[in-house]
Each structure stands twice: as C-alpha cells, then as structure tokens.
Amino acid sequence: MGFDDLEDAIEEQDQQNKNSNAESTVDTEPPQSEMQTEADNSAKVAKATKPDEDEMQAQSKADLSTPAFEFDDAVQKGWYARENSWSEFNAAVDFEIKRELHSRDVENVTRSEITEAVLWTAVEQPELVAEKLIEMREGKM
C-alpha cells in the first residue's frame, strides 16, 4: 500500500517526542514569583500589541485580495488518491470552493492556498477524516 511506512514514521516521531519530553523535564522550574512576573509581562505585551477590532476587520478586508503566502513558501509534495477522487476534488475546487470564495470577495486564489486550507481542515477536524476512511473501507464510497 501507499502508506506502508506511515506506522514507522509515527513510531519514530513518538520516540522523538518522548526523548524531547524527557529532556524538558530535567530543567528546574523558576520560582513561583518569577513565573507570575513573566505571566504579568506577557499579558501586558499581548494587550499592547493586540490590534483593535476595527483595525483587524480593515486588515482582513484588505488581505482578501492577495494570497495568504508567497509561492516560494509552498513545498510541493505528492498525494496518492484514485483518479475518480482527483476528478471530484478538482471539480469541487473549480465549481464549489472558488465560487464560495468569490461570493465572500476573496480574489486571486492560488491552488497552493486551497491545498493549504484542505490540509488544515484535516488537521483541525481529524474525526471527519477518520469517518471518511471508515466509509471507504466499508465500501460506501
């Protein structure tokens, strides 16, 4: 299968995370008063740098006409899917997603932005990905 090495990669990442966590627990924690001072300073910085709501709305409106990131920031990777899935995905991008973005006044949409949004949707909603995979295995797709 196309994902045979996925379990090995996950195990390797888990091992790295365990090693990282073990190293981080060796450090001693700062005294409580020092932690409180840092928290107070962080809150002050966040408050001072947080833009007001009107400014954020103005920025978001202006930002809709330009791509979210530069082409050079994108990394090209291969995806493995059946031909029918690619056809359905391309149709959804061309006829549904772009239409929805246009109705929200989003201009100059790049394919890399759409791919990024699809990836983040999977990251933020893993239960939907799991449900879809189960449907595929049960022959419902």
C-alpha atoms as a PDB file:
ATOM      1  CA  MET A   1       0.000   0.000   0.000  1.00  0.00           C
ATOM      2  CA  GLY A   2       0.984   3.659  -0.341  1.00  0.00           C
ATOM      3  CA  PHE A   3       1.165   4.230   3.425  1.00  0.00           C
ATOM      4  CA  ASP A   4       3.185   1.171   4.489  1.00  0.00           C
ATOM      5  CA  ASP A   5       5.885   3.322   6.054  1.00  0.00           C
ATOM      6  CA  LEU A   6       3.417   5.562   7.904  1.00  0.00           C
ATOM      7  CA  GLU A   7       3.428   3.443  11.082  1.00  0.00           C
ATOM      8  CA  ASP A   8       7.249   3.505  11.167  1.00  0.00           C
ATOM      9  CA  ALA A   9       7.237   7.287  10.793  1.00  0.00           C
ATOM     10  CA  ILE A  10       4.653   7.668  13.572  1.00  0.00           C
ATOM     11  CA  GLU A  11       6.650   5.410  15.898  1.00  0.00           C
ATOM     12  CA  GLU A  12       9.820   7.374  15.143  1.00  0.00           C
ATOM     13  CA  GLN A  13       8.052  10.670  15.857  1.00  0.00           C
ATOM     14  CA  ASP A  14       6.596   9.296  19.106  1.00  0.00           C
ATOM     15  CA  GLN A  15      10.082   8.221  20.200  1.00  0.00           C
ATOM     16  CA  GLN A  16      11.467  11.677  19.386  1.00  0.00           C
ATOM     17  CA  ASN A  17       8.638  13.297  21.368  1.00  0.00           C
ATOM     18  CA  LYS A  18       9.352  11.031  24.355  1.00  0.00           C
ATOM     19  CA  ASN A  19      13.037  11.956  24.219  1.00  0.00           C
ATOM     20  CA  SER A  20      12.176  15.631  23.919  1.00  0.00           C
ATOM     21  CA  ASN A  21       9.770  15.452  26.879  1.00  0.00           C
ATOM     22  CA  ALA A  22      12.365  13.650  28.988  1.00  0.00           C
ATOM     23  CA  GLU A  23      14.915  16.368  28.274  1.00  0.00           C
ATOM     24  CA  SER A  24      12.490  19.163  29.068  1.00  0.00           C
ATOM     25  CA  THR A  25      11.562  17.702  32.461  1.00  0.00           C
ATOM     26  CA  VAL A  26      15.211  17.792  33.554  1.00  0.00           C
ATOM     27  CA  ASP A  27      15.147  21.598  33.702  1.00  0.00           C
ATOM     28  CA  THR A  28      14.155  23.118  37.018  1.00  0.00           C
ATOM     29  CA  GLU A  29      11.131  25.355  37.155  1.00  0.00           C
ATOM     30  CA  PRO A  30      11.606  29.001  38.115  1.00  0.00           C
ATOM     31  CA  PRO A  31      10.303  30.158  41.470  1.00  0.00           C
ATOM     32  CA  GLN A  32       6.575  30.956  41.610  1.00  0.00           C
ATOM     33  CA  SER A  33       7.143  34.722  41.927  1.00  0.00           C
ATOM     34  CA  GLU A  34       9.321  34.713  38.808  1.00  0.00           C
ATOM     35  CA  MET A  35       6.645  32.770  36.907  1.00  0.00           C
ATOM     36  CA  GLN A  36       3.988  35.290  37.987  1.00  0.00           C
ATOM     37  CA  THR A  37       6.163  38.217  36.833  1.00  0.00           C
ATOM     38  CA  GLU A  38       6.655  36.560  33.440  1.00  0.00           C
ATOM     39  CA  ALA A  39       2.897  35.971  33.126  1.00  0.00           C
ATOM     40  CA  ASP A  40       2.168  39.603  34.017  1.00  0.00           C
ATOM     41  CA  ASN A  41       4.725  40.838  31.468  1.00  0.00           C
ATOM     42  CA  SER A  42       3.306  38.534  28.773  1.00  0.00           C
ATOM     43  CA  ALA A  43      -0.209  39.825  29.424  1.00  0.00           C
ATOM     44  CA  LYS A  44       0.988  43.438  29.168  1.00  0.00           C
ATOM     45  CA  VAL A  45       2.812  42.777  25.891  1.00  0.00           C
ATOM     46  CA  ALA A  46      -0.200  40.942  24.445  1.00  0.00           C
ATOM     47  CA  LYS A  47      -2.509  43.778  25.440  1.00  0.00           C
ATOM     48  CA  ALA A  48      -0.185  46.415  23.986  1.00  0.00           C
ATOM     49  CA  THR A  49       0.301  44.586  20.678  1.00  0.00           C
ATOM     50  CA  LYS A  50      -3.268  43.339  20.174  1.00  0.00           C
ATOM     51  CA  PRO A  51      -4.902  45.344  17.376  1.00  0.00           C
ATOM     52  CA  ASP A  52      -8.380  46.661  17.995  1.00  0.00           C
ATOM     53  CA  GLU A  53     -11.373  45.039  16.296  1.00  0.00           C
ATOM     54  CA  ASP A  54     -11.854  47.787  13.671  1.00  0.00           C
ATOM     55  CA  GLU A  55      -8.214  47.544  12.651  1.00  0.00           C
ATOM     56  CA  MET A  56      -8.457  43.744  12.363  1.00  0.00           C
ATOM     57  CA  GLN A  57     -11.575  43.991  10.181  1.00  0.00           C
ATOM     58  CA  ALA A  58      -9.887  46.535   7.912  1.00  0.00           C
ATOM     59  CA  GLN A  59      -6.828  44.295   7.587  1.00  0.00           C
ATOM     60  CA  SER A  60      -8.881  41.179   6.856  1.00  0.00           C
ATOM     61  CA  LYS A  61     -10.854  43.005   4.146  1.00  0.00           C
ATOM     62  CA  ALA A  62      -7.670  44.284   2.512  1.00  0.00           C
ATOM     63  CA  ASP A  63      -5.917  40.912   2.799  1.00  0.00           C
ATOM     64  CA  LEU A  64      -8.650  39.094   0.849  1.00  0.00           C
ATOM     65  CA  SER A  65      -7.304  40.415  -2.447  1.00  0.00           C
ATOM     66  CA  THR A  66      -3.829  38.913  -2.069  1.00  0.00           C
ATOM     67  CA  PRO A  67      -2.683  35.312  -1.479  1.00  0.00           C
ATOM     68  CA  ALA A  68      -2.123  34.229   2.121  1.00  0.00           C
ATOM     69  CA  PHE A  69       1.508  33.327   1.417  1.00  0.00           C
ATOM     70  CA  GLU A  70       4.088  33.582  -1.329  1.00  0.00           C
ATOM     71  CA  PHE A  71       4.528  30.790  -3.861  1.00  0.00           C
ATOM     72  CA  ASP A  72       8.123  30.319  -2.696  1.00  0.00           C
ATOM     73  CA  ASP A  73       6.846  29.407   0.787  1.00  0.00           C
ATOM     74  CA  ALA A  74       4.993  26.370  -0.591  1.00  0.00           C
ATOM     75  CA  VAL A  75       6.518  22.910  -0.708  1.00  0.00           C
ATOM     76  CA  GLN A  76       5.373  20.521  -3.417  1.00  0.00           C
ATOM     77  CA  LYS A  77       4.538  17.028  -2.158  1.00  0.00           C
ATOM     78  CA  GLY A  78       2.888  14.055  -3.792  1.00  0.00           C
ATOM     79  CA  TRP A  79      -0.589  12.909  -2.778  1.00  0.00           C
ATOM     80  CA  TYR A  80      -1.882   9.425  -3.511  1.00  0.00           C
ATOM     81  CA  ALA A  81      -5.519   9.106  -4.495  1.00  0.00           C
ATOM     82  CA  ARG A  82      -7.643   7.316  -7.060  1.00  0.00           C
ATOM     83  CA  GLU A  83      -8.389   9.018 -10.381  1.00  0.00           C
ATOM     84  CA  ASN A  84     -12.059   9.488  -9.518  1.00  0.00           C
ATOM     85  CA  SER A  85     -11.140  11.176  -6.239  1.00  0.00           C
ATOM     86  CA  TRP A  86      -8.881  13.643  -8.081  1.00  0.00           C
ATOM     87  CA  SER A  87     -11.653  14.397 -10.574  1.00  0.00           C
ATOM     88  CA  GLU A  88     -14.148  15.037  -7.777  1.00  0.00           C
ATOM     89  CA  PHE A  89     -11.645  17.166  -5.858  1.00  0.00           C
ATOM     90  CA  ASN A  90     -10.804  19.282  -8.918  1.00  0.00           C
ATOM     91  CA  ALA A  91     -14.497  19.755  -9.688  1.00  0.00           C
ATOM     92  CA  ALA A  92     -15.164  20.802  -6.081  1.00  0.00           C
ATOM     93  CA  VAL A  93     -12.283  23.291  -6.221  1.00  0.00           C
ATOM     94  CA  ASP A  94     -13.315  24.759  -9.558  1.00  0.00           C
ATOM     95  CA  PHE A  95     -17.072  24.852  -9.103  1.00  0.00           C
ATOM     96  CA  GLU A  96     -17.767  24.959  -5.378  1.00  0.00           C
ATOM     97  CA  ILE A  97     -14.800  26.264  -3.401  1.00  0.00           C
ATOM     98  CA  LYS A  98     -13.818  29.044  -5.802  1.00  0.00           C
ATOM     99  CA  ARG A  99     -17.462  30.100  -6.151  1.00  0.00           C
ATOM    100  CA  GLU A 100     -17.799  30.275  -2.361  1.00  0.00           C
ATOM    101  CA  LEU A 101     -14.609  32.317  -2.080  1.00  0.00           C
ATOM    102  CA  HIS A 102     -15.773  34.650  -4.851  1.00  0.00           C
ATOM    103  CA  SER A 103     -19.094  35.189  -3.044  1.00  0.00           C
ATOM    104  CA  ARG A 104     -17.042  36.274   0.001  1.00  0.00           C
ATOM    105  CA  ASP A 105     -14.988  38.722  -2.097  1.00  0.00           C
ATOM    106  CA  VAL A 106     -11.808  36.641  -1.940  1.00  0.00           C
ATOM    107  CA  GLU A 107      -9.688  37.334  -5.024  1.00  0.00           C
ATOM    108  CA  ASN A 108      -6.565  35.858  -6.645  1.00  0.00           C
ATOM    109  CA  VAL A 109      -6.924  32.420  -5.059  1.00  0.00           C
ATOM    110  CA  THR A 110      -3.964  30.131  -5.704  1.00  0.00           C
ATOM    111  CA  ARG A 111      -4.006  26.352  -5.847  1.00  0.00           C
ATOM    112  CA  SER A 112      -1.425  26.248  -3.044  1.00  0.00           C
ATOM    113  CA  GLU A 113      -3.773  28.235  -0.778  1.00  0.00           C
ATOM    114  CA  ILE A 114      -6.608  25.808  -1.458  1.00  0.00           C
ATOM    115  CA  THR A 115      -4.331  22.840  -0.766  1.00  0.00           C
ATOM    116  CA  GLU A 116      -3.169  24.501   2.462  1.00  0.00           C
ATOM    117  CA  ALA A 117      -6.775  25.054   3.549  1.00  0.00           C
ATOM    118  CA  VAL A 118      -7.651  21.421   2.789  1.00  0.00           C
ATOM    119  CA  LEU A 119      -4.671  20.219   4.848  1.00  0.00           C
ATOM    120  CA  TRP A 120      -5.574  22.450   7.793  1.00  0.00           C
ATOM    121  CA  THR A 121      -9.181  21.274   7.636  1.00  0.00           C
ATOM    122  CA  ALA A 122      -7.902  17.707   8.040  1.00  0.00           C
ATOM    123  CA  VAL A 123      -5.601  18.772  10.892  1.00  0.00           C
ATOM    124  CA  GLU A 124      -8.362  20.635  12.719  1.00  0.00           C
ATOM    125  CA  GLN A 125     -11.087  18.024  12.103  1.00  0.00           C
ATOM    126  CA  PRO A 126      -9.387  14.612  12.217  1.00  0.00           C
ATOM    127  CA  GLU A 127     -12.665  12.931  13.125  1.00  0.00           C
ATOM    128  CA  LEU A 128     -14.044  13.768   9.668  1.00  0.00           C
ATOM    129  CA  VAL A 129     -11.005  12.211   8.014  1.00  0.00           C
ATOM    130  CA  ALA A 130     -11.381   9.094  10.164  1.00  0.00           C
ATOM    131  CA  GLU A 131     -15.103   8.843   9.336  1.00  0.00           C
ATOM    132  CA  LYS A 132     -14.376   9.152   5.608  1.00  0.00           C
ATOM    133  CA  LEU A 133     -11.691   6.461   5.760  1.00  0.00           C
ATOM    134  CA  ILE A 134     -14.096   4.109   7.550  1.00  0.00           C
ATOM    135  CA  GLU A 135     -16.749   4.796   4.899  1.00  0.00           C
ATOM    136  CA  MET A 136     -14.213   3.909   2.205  1.00  0.00           C
ATOM    137  CA  ARG A 137     -13.309   0.635   3.922  1.00  0.00           C
ATOM    138  CA  GLU A 138     -16.956  -0.258   4.326  1.00  0.00           C
ATOM    139  CA  GLY A 139     -17.433   0.237   0.595  1.00  0.00           C
ATOM    140  CA  LYS A 140     -19.715   3.239   0.941  1.00  0.00           C
ATOM    141  CA  MET A 141     -17.572   5.320  -1.404  1.00  0.00           C
END
